[in-house]
Every structure is written in C-alpha cells, then in structure tokens.
C-alpha atoms as a PDB file:
ATOM      1  CA  UNK A   1     -10.148 -14.840   0.664  1.00  0.00           C
ATOM      2  CA  UNK A   2      -6.605 -15.923   1.198  1.00  0.00           C
ATOM      3  CA  UNK A   3      -5.095 -14.134  -1.801  1.00  0.00           C
ATOM      4  CA  UNK A   4      -1.333 -14.139  -2.190  1.00  0.00           C
ATOM      5  CA  UNK A   5       0.639 -12.253  -4.813  1.00  0.00           C
ATOM      6  CA  UNK A   6       4.166 -13.404  -5.527  1.00  0.00           C
ATOM      7  CA  UNK A   7       6.981 -11.465  -7.147  1.00  0.00           C
ATOM      8  CA  UNK A   8      10.602 -12.456  -7.641  1.00  0.00           C
ATOM      9  CA  UNK A   9      11.554 -11.380  -4.089  1.00  0.00           C
ATOM     10  CA  UNK A  10       8.294 -10.835  -2.236  1.00  0.00           C
ATOM     11  CA  UNK A  11       5.017 -12.393  -1.202  1.00  0.00           C
ATOM     12  CA  UNK A  12       2.053 -10.097  -0.627  1.00  0.00           C
ATOM     13  CA  UNK A  13      -0.276 -11.969   1.722  1.00  0.00           C
ATOM     14  CA  UNK A  14      -2.968 -11.385   4.349  1.00  0.00           C
ATOM     15  CA  UNK A  15      -1.923 -10.114   7.769  1.00  0.00           C
ATOM     16  CA  UNK A  16      -2.033 -12.501  10.758  1.00  0.00           C
ATOM     17  CA  UNK A  17      -1.327 -12.435  14.506  1.00  0.00           C
ATOM     18  CA  UNK A  18       2.259 -13.638  14.007  1.00  0.00           C
ATOM     19  CA  UNK A  19       2.962 -10.301  12.261  1.00  0.00           C
ATOM     20  CA  UNK A  20       2.259  -8.085  15.289  1.00  0.00           C
ATOM     21  CA  UNK A  21       5.898  -7.632  16.337  1.00  0.00           C
ATOM     22  CA  UNK A  22       7.090  -6.805  12.813  1.00  0.00           C
ATOM     23  CA  UNK A  23       4.116  -4.499  12.263  1.00  0.00           C
ATOM     24  CA  UNK A  24       4.964  -2.545  15.416  1.00  0.00           C
ATOM     25  CA  UNK A  25       8.657  -2.415  14.488  1.00  0.00           C
ATOM     26  CA  UNK A  26       7.866  -1.132  11.003  1.00  0.00           C
ATOM     27  CA  UNK A  27       5.284   1.511  11.884  1.00  0.00           C
ATOM     28  CA  UNK A  28       6.644   2.752  15.205  1.00  0.00           C
ATOM     29  CA  UNK A  29       9.065   5.087  13.471  1.00  0.00           C
ATOM     30  CA  UNK A  30       8.096   8.756  13.195  1.00  0.00           C
ATOM     31  CA  UNK A  31      10.266   9.222  10.070  1.00  0.00           C
ATOM     32  CA  UNK A  32       7.954   6.748   8.332  1.00  0.00           C
ATOM     33  CA  UNK A  33       4.658   7.467  10.081  1.00  0.00           C
ATOM     34  CA  UNK A  34       4.802  11.162   9.151  1.00  0.00           C
ATOM     35  CA  UNK A  35       4.233  10.181   5.507  1.00  0.00           C
ATOM     36  CA  UNK A  36       1.154   8.060   6.291  1.00  0.00           C
ATOM     37  CA  UNK A  37      -2.212   9.717   6.852  1.00  0.00           C
ATOM     38  CA  UNK A  38      -3.771   7.185   9.230  1.00  0.00           C
ATOM     39  CA  UNK A  39      -0.900   5.776  11.305  1.00  0.00           C
ATOM     40  CA  UNK A  40      -0.609   7.055  14.887  1.00  0.00           C
ATOM     41  CA  UNK A  41       2.688   7.555  16.686  1.00  0.00           C
ATOM     42  CA  UNK A  42       3.728   5.850  18.839  1.00  0.00           C
ATOM     43  CA  UNK A  43       2.374   2.715  17.167  1.00  0.00           C
ATOM     44  CA  UNK A  44       1.494   0.205  19.882  1.00  0.00           C
ATOM     45  CA  UNK A  45       0.561  -3.472  20.183  1.00  0.00           C
ATOM     46  CA  UNK A  46      -3.038  -2.362  20.614  1.00  0.00           C
ATOM     47  CA  UNK A  47      -2.914  -0.550  17.261  1.00  0.00           C
ATOM     48  CA  UNK A  48      -1.320  -3.576  15.576  1.00  0.00           C
ATOM     49  CA  UNK A  49      -3.887  -6.027  16.997  1.00  0.00           C
ATOM     50  CA  UNK A  50      -6.793  -3.807  15.926  1.00  0.00           C
ATOM     51  CA  UNK A  51      -5.326  -3.465  12.421  1.00  0.00           C
ATOM     52  CA  UNK A  52      -4.831  -7.217  12.013  1.00  0.00           C
ATOM     53  CA  UNK A  53      -8.348  -7.895  13.299  1.00  0.00           C
ATOM     54  CA  UNK A  54      -9.753  -5.417  10.759  1.00  0.00           C
ATOM     55  CA  UNK A  55      -7.739  -7.002   7.949  1.00  0.00           C
ATOM     56  CA  UNK A  56      -8.926 -10.492   8.913  1.00  0.00           C
ATOM     57  CA  UNK A  57     -12.543  -9.324   8.840  1.00  0.00           C
ATOM     58  CA  UNK A  58     -11.997  -7.930   5.339  1.00  0.00           C
ATOM     59  CA  UNK A  59     -10.255 -11.045   4.027  1.00  0.00           C
ATOM     60  CA  UNK A  60     -12.845 -13.352   5.638  1.00  0.00           C
ATOM     61  CA  UNK A  61     -15.666 -11.857   3.610  1.00  0.00           C
ATOM     62  CA  UNK A  62     -17.312 -13.890   0.840  1.00  0.00           C
ATOM     63  CA  UNK A  63     -18.399 -10.782  -1.049  1.00  0.00           C
ATOM     64  CA  UNK A  64     -16.303  -8.488  -3.195  1.00  0.00           C
ATOM     65  CA  UNK A  65     -14.313  -6.537  -0.609  1.00  0.00           C
ATOM     66  CA  UNK A  66     -13.818  -2.786  -0.553  1.00  0.00           C
ATOM     67  CA  UNK A  67     -10.147  -3.381   0.337  1.00  0.00           C
ATOM     68  CA  UNK A  68      -7.259  -5.806   0.131  1.00  0.00           C
ATOM     69  CA  UNK A  69      -4.613  -5.296   2.829  1.00  0.00           C
ATOM     70  CA  UNK A  70      -1.352  -7.172   2.319  1.00  0.00           C
ATOM     71  CA  UNK A  71       1.683  -7.809   4.477  1.00  0.00           C
ATOM     72  CA  UNK A  72       4.822  -7.526   2.333  1.00  0.00           C
ATOM     73  CA  UNK A  73       6.937 -10.561   3.137  1.00  0.00           C
ATOM     74  CA  UNK A  74      10.543 -11.004   2.019  1.00  0.00           C
ATOM     75  CA  UNK A  75      11.251 -14.408   0.461  1.00  0.00           C
ATOM     76  CA  UNK A  76      12.764 -16.786   1.489  1.00  0.00           C
ATOM     77  CA  UNK A  77      13.326 -15.259   4.947  1.00  0.00           C
ATOM     78  CA  UNK A  78       9.544 -14.916   5.466  1.00  0.00           C
ATOM     79  CA  UNK A  79      10.052 -11.617   7.299  1.00  0.00           C
ATOM     80  CA  UNK A  80       7.367  -8.928   7.044  1.00  0.00           C
ATOM     81  CA  UNK A  81       9.098  -5.793   5.773  1.00  0.00           C
ATOM     82  CA  UNK A  82       6.068  -3.606   5.064  1.00  0.00           C
ATOM     83  CA  UNK A  83       2.480  -3.343   3.995  1.00  0.00           C
ATOM     84  CA  UNK A  84       0.591  -2.468   0.828  1.00  0.00           C
ATOM     85  CA  UNK A  85      -3.082  -1.606   0.483  1.00  0.00           C
ATOM     86  CA  UNK A  86      -5.580  -1.680  -2.311  1.00  0.00           C
ATOM     87  CA  UNK A  87      -8.522   0.059  -0.703  1.00  0.00           C
ATOM     88  CA  UNK A  88     -11.482   2.364  -1.312  1.00  0.00           C
ATOM     89  CA  UNK A  89     -12.526   0.028  -4.120  1.00  0.00           C
ATOM     90  CA  UNK A  90     -15.609   1.184  -5.989  1.00  0.00           C
ATOM     91  CA  UNK A  91     -16.563  -1.841  -8.087  1.00  0.00           C
ATOM     92  CA  UNK A  92     -19.133   0.057 -10.161  1.00  0.00           C
ATOM     93  CA  UNK A  93     -16.726   2.865 -11.034  1.00  0.00           C
ATOM     94  CA  UNK A  94     -13.770   0.479 -11.434  1.00  0.00           C
ATOM     95  CA  UNK A  95     -11.569   2.506  -9.096  1.00  0.00           C
ATOM     96  CA  UNK A  96      -9.422   1.905  -6.037  1.00  0.00           C
ATOM     97  CA  UNK A  97      -6.657   3.507  -4.007  1.00  0.00           C
ATOM     98  CA  UNK A  98      -4.187   2.540  -1.336  1.00  0.00           C
ATOM     99  CA  UNK A  99      -0.663   3.048  -0.170  1.00  0.00           C
ATOM    100  CA  UNK A 100       2.534   1.351   0.863  1.00  0.00           C
ATOM    101  CA  UNK A 101       5.142   1.443   3.605  1.00  0.00           C
ATOM    102  CA  UNK A 102       8.474  -0.333   3.964  1.00  0.00           C
ATOM    103  CA  UNK A 103      10.335  -0.731   7.285  1.00  0.00           C
ATOM    104  CA  UNK A 104      13.533   1.274   7.728  1.00  0.00           C
ATOM    105  CA  UNK A 105      15.997  -1.607   7.381  1.00  0.00           C
ATOM    106  CA  UNK A 106      14.589  -2.512   3.950  1.00  0.00           C
ATOM    107  CA  UNK A 107      14.211   0.842   2.194  1.00  0.00           C
ATOM    108  CA  UNK A 108      16.291   1.714  -0.832  1.00  0.00           C
ATOM    109  CA  UNK A 109      16.333  -1.859  -2.185  1.00  0.00           C
ATOM    110  CA  UNK A 110      13.409  -1.543  -4.601  1.00  0.00           C
ATOM    111  CA  UNK A 111      11.026  -3.585  -2.450  1.00  0.00           C
ATOM    112  CA  UNK A 112       8.469  -0.775  -2.268  1.00  0.00           C
ATOM    113  CA  UNK A 113       8.263  -0.375  -6.016  1.00  0.00           C
ATOM    114  CA  UNK A 114       8.135  -4.158  -6.513  1.00  0.00           C
ATOM    115  CA  UNK A 115       5.238  -4.524  -4.058  1.00  0.00           C
ATOM    116  CA  UNK A 116       3.381  -1.471  -5.361  1.00  0.00           C
ATOM    117  CA  UNK A 117       3.764  -2.647  -8.945  1.00  0.00           C
ATOM    118  CA  UNK A 118       2.397  -6.087  -7.970  1.00  0.00           C
ATOM    119  CA  UNK A 119      -0.596  -4.372  -6.365  1.00  0.00           C
ATOM    120  CA  UNK A 120      -1.225  -2.377  -9.530  1.00  0.00           C
ATOM    121  CA  UNK A 121      -1.010  -5.495 -11.685  1.00  0.00           C
ATOM    122  CA  UNK A 122      -3.457  -7.290  -9.370  1.00  0.00           C
ATOM    123  CA  UNK A 123      -5.885  -4.341  -9.457  1.00  0.00           C
ATOM    124  CA  UNK A 124      -5.883  -4.041 -13.230  1.00  0.00           C
ATOM    125  CA  UNK A 125      -5.306  -7.612 -14.433  1.00  0.00           C
ATOM    126  CA  UNK A 126      -7.061  -9.683 -11.768  1.00  0.00           C
ATOM    127  CA  UNK A 127      -9.785  -7.367 -10.480  1.00  0.00           C
ATOM    128  CA  UNK A 128     -10.472  -5.469 -13.704  1.00  0.00           C
ATOM    129  CA  UNK A 129     -10.218  -2.020 -12.143  1.00  0.00           C
ATOM    130  CA  UNK A 130      -9.652   0.825 -14.608  1.00  0.00           C
ATOM    131  CA  UNK A 131      -8.232   3.612 -12.446  1.00  0.00           C
ATOM    132  CA  UNK A 132      -6.160   3.869  -9.263  1.00  0.00           C
ATOM    133  CA  UNK A 133      -6.143   7.005  -7.131  1.00  0.00           C
ATOM    134  CA  UNK A 134      -3.214   7.453  -4.778  1.00  0.00           C
ATOM    135  CA  UNK A 135      -1.179  10.315  -3.439  1.00  0.00           C
ATOM    136  CA  UNK A 136       1.732  11.456  -1.353  1.00  0.00           C
ATOM    137  CA  UNK A 137       2.313  14.109   1.269  1.00  0.00           C
ATOM    138  CA  UNK A 138       4.208  17.252   0.365  1.00  0.00           C
ATOM    139  CA  UNK A 139       7.924  16.555   0.801  1.00  0.00           C
ATOM    140  CA  UNK A 140       7.754  12.773   0.354  1.00  0.00           C
ATOM    141  CA  UNK A 141      10.069  12.716  -2.634  1.00  0.00           C
ATOM    142  CA  UNK A 142      10.625   8.951  -2.679  1.00  0.00           C
ATOM    143  CA  UNK A 143       6.878   8.284  -2.976  1.00  0.00           C
ATOM    144  CA  UNK A 144       6.553  10.983  -5.641  1.00  0.00           C
ATOM    145  CA  UNK A 145       9.409   9.488  -7.661  1.00  0.00           C
ATOM    146  CA  UNK A 146       8.112   5.909  -7.382  1.00  0.00           C
ATOM    147  CA  UNK A 147       4.603   6.878  -8.452  1.00  0.00           C
ATOM    148  CA  UNK A 148       5.941   8.909 -11.371  1.00  0.00           C
ATOM    149  CA  UNK A 149       8.091   5.958 -12.554  1.00  0.00           C
ATOM    150  CA  UNK A 150       5.030   3.721 -12.442  1.00  0.00           C
ATOM    151  CA  UNK A 151       3.042   6.135 -14.611  1.00  0.00           C
ATOM    152  CA  UNK A 152       0.955   8.005 -12.039  1.00  0.00           C
ATOM    153  CA  UNK A 153       0.023  11.588 -12.877  1.00  0.00           C
ATOM    154  CA  UNK A 154      -0.544  14.322 -10.327  1.00  0.00           C
ATOM    155  CA  UNK A 155      -4.111  15.589 -10.679  1.00  0.00           C
ATOM    156  CA  UNK A 156      -4.887  17.621  -7.559  1.00  0.00           C
ATOM    157  CA  UNK A 157      -3.727  18.943  -4.219  1.00  0.00           C
ATOM    158  CA  UNK A 158      -5.824  18.696  -1.070  1.00  0.00           C
ATOM    159  CA  UNK A 159      -5.302  19.693   2.528  1.00  0.00           C
ATOM    160  CA  UNK A 160      -4.733  16.728   4.817  1.00  0.00           C
ATOM    161  CA  UNK A 161      -3.598  16.020   8.368  1.00  0.00           C
ATOM    162  CA  UNK A 162      -0.927  13.559   9.424  1.00  0.00           C
ATOM    163  CA  UNK A 163      -2.140  11.460  12.350  1.00  0.00           C
ATOM    164  CA  UNK A 164       1.397  10.664  13.576  1.00  0.00           C
ATOM    165  CA  UNK A 165       2.493  14.231  14.266  1.00  0.00           C
ATOM    166  CA  UNK A 166      -0.749  16.200  13.858  1.00  0.00           C
ATOM    167  CA  UNK A 167       0.595  18.584  11.233  1.00  0.00           C
ATOM    168  CA  UNK A 168      -1.483  20.028   8.427  1.00  0.00           C
ATOM    169  CA  UNK A 169       0.034  19.235   5.056  1.00  0.00           C
ATOM    170  CA  UNK A 170      -0.736  19.051   1.370  1.00  0.00           C
ATOM    171  CA  UNK A 171      -1.511  15.717  -0.220  1.00  0.00           C
ATOM    172  CA  UNK A 172      -0.700  15.503  -3.910  1.00  0.00           C
ATOM    173  CA  UNK A 173      -3.405  13.295  -5.448  1.00  0.00           C
ATOM    174  CA  UNK A 174      -2.246  11.029  -8.273  1.00  0.00           C
ATOM    175  CA  UNK A 175      -4.024   8.720 -10.696  1.00  0.00           C
ATOM    176  CA  UNK A 176      -3.047   5.838 -12.913  1.00  0.00           C
ATOM    177  CA  UNK A 177      -5.318   4.614 -15.696  1.00  0.00           C
ATOM    178  CA  UNK A 178      -5.243   0.971 -16.732  1.00  0.00           C
ATOM    179  CA  UNK A 179      -4.873   2.093 -20.360  1.00  0.00           C
ATOM    180  CA  UNK A 180      -1.750   4.110 -19.461  1.00  0.00           C
ATOM    181  CA  UNK A 181      -0.359   1.120 -17.529  1.00  0.00           C
ATOM    182  CA  UNK A 182      -0.945  -1.181 -20.491  1.00  0.00           C
ATOM    183  CA  UNK A 183       0.580   1.356 -22.894  1.00  0.00           C
ATOM    184  CA  UNK A 184       3.749   1.243 -20.809  1.00  0.00           C
ATOM    185  CA  UNK A 185       3.904  -2.551 -21.263  1.00  0.00           C
ATOM    186  CA  UNK A 186       3.839  -3.203 -17.528  1.00  0.00           C
ATOM    187  CA  UNK A 187       1.244  -5.992 -17.510  1.00  0.00           C
ATOM    188  CA  UNK A 188       3.795  -8.829 -17.705  1.00  0.00           C
ATOM    189  CA  UNK A 189       3.801 -11.091 -14.635  1.00  0.00           C
ATOM    190  CA  UNK A 190       6.927 -11.174 -12.445  1.00  0.00           C
END
C-alpha cells in the first residue's frame, strides 16, 4: 500500500531508506523526544533503520493494516519535516490512535496541525473509522491546544513513562468522534 495524502503544503507518504538522515535529525532532540512515549534518546541510525523497516513491512501488507505510518514531507522542497501515525486500528470497533512530531526547524508554522488534520480526514473519510483515541503528556501545551482546536475531548488520565528520559508522567487521553468532526464541518478536502 503506497498511500499518499496531499495537503496544500505537505505530502504524507510512506517512510523509505532515503529518510534516515532526516528522521535522525528530527527525533534526536530531547526537547521533542520527551513528549513522545516510544522514542529513545539519543535517537540513532540503528533506531531509524529499524523504524523504516517496520513501516515498510506494514505498508507492504495486502491486508487491512493495524497502522499507517507517514513521513511528513514539505512540498515542493521534498524535505521530511516530521512524522504522523494512524495506529492501533481496530477495524471491528472502528477506532484508531496515533501521534505526530515535527522537527525543530519547522515548528510553529502550522505544519503539525495540517498533517494531523489530514490524518483525521483519512481515518474518517477514507477508512470509515468512527473514533480516534490520542493523548498528550502532562505539560505538552502545544499538543493539548492543537487537539482541542481539532475537536478532541479529554476523557482520562493514565500513568505513562517517557522512553527518552525515563520519567514517569501523566498522559491525558483524548478522543474525537467522527460525528463531532463532521459537525464541525471539517470533512472538506484540502
């Protein structure tokens, strides 16, 4: 499955070996990694190669995958500036989750929201999912604000551990229903 999602400024596409350097650059920053549950620090070439191999196995499947992992590529420069996931898909329940990260030189430009919104649209409009479950670590105000603007509601708090720095933290669990998304009029293609 070579699925690509295009927005006005971005292409969400499968990861490949040519992305290793940009993947390392993006994730080898503790200020970013501390907000991501499953990203080690330092982030090495070995980590990047294993991640890309895993993503290629997922995208090479002929069956309905449990995850879609996208590189976020800036058009027309064709530079990978981040990653967005739609994972933990339960096809019977119609649910999925996932997260996003944007490299330090590209934050504050709206790319994260644009990519995350494209992922939501894909999940609801193309895949027919009915509910997305996400979250953010305590203190990650930019993720909280983005999710709130997109219609996510906080539904729970759970203890979690950050792999990058080993600290125990609280993860605020959020959900977005397809019906709420549609009520907001956010199903229009970009």
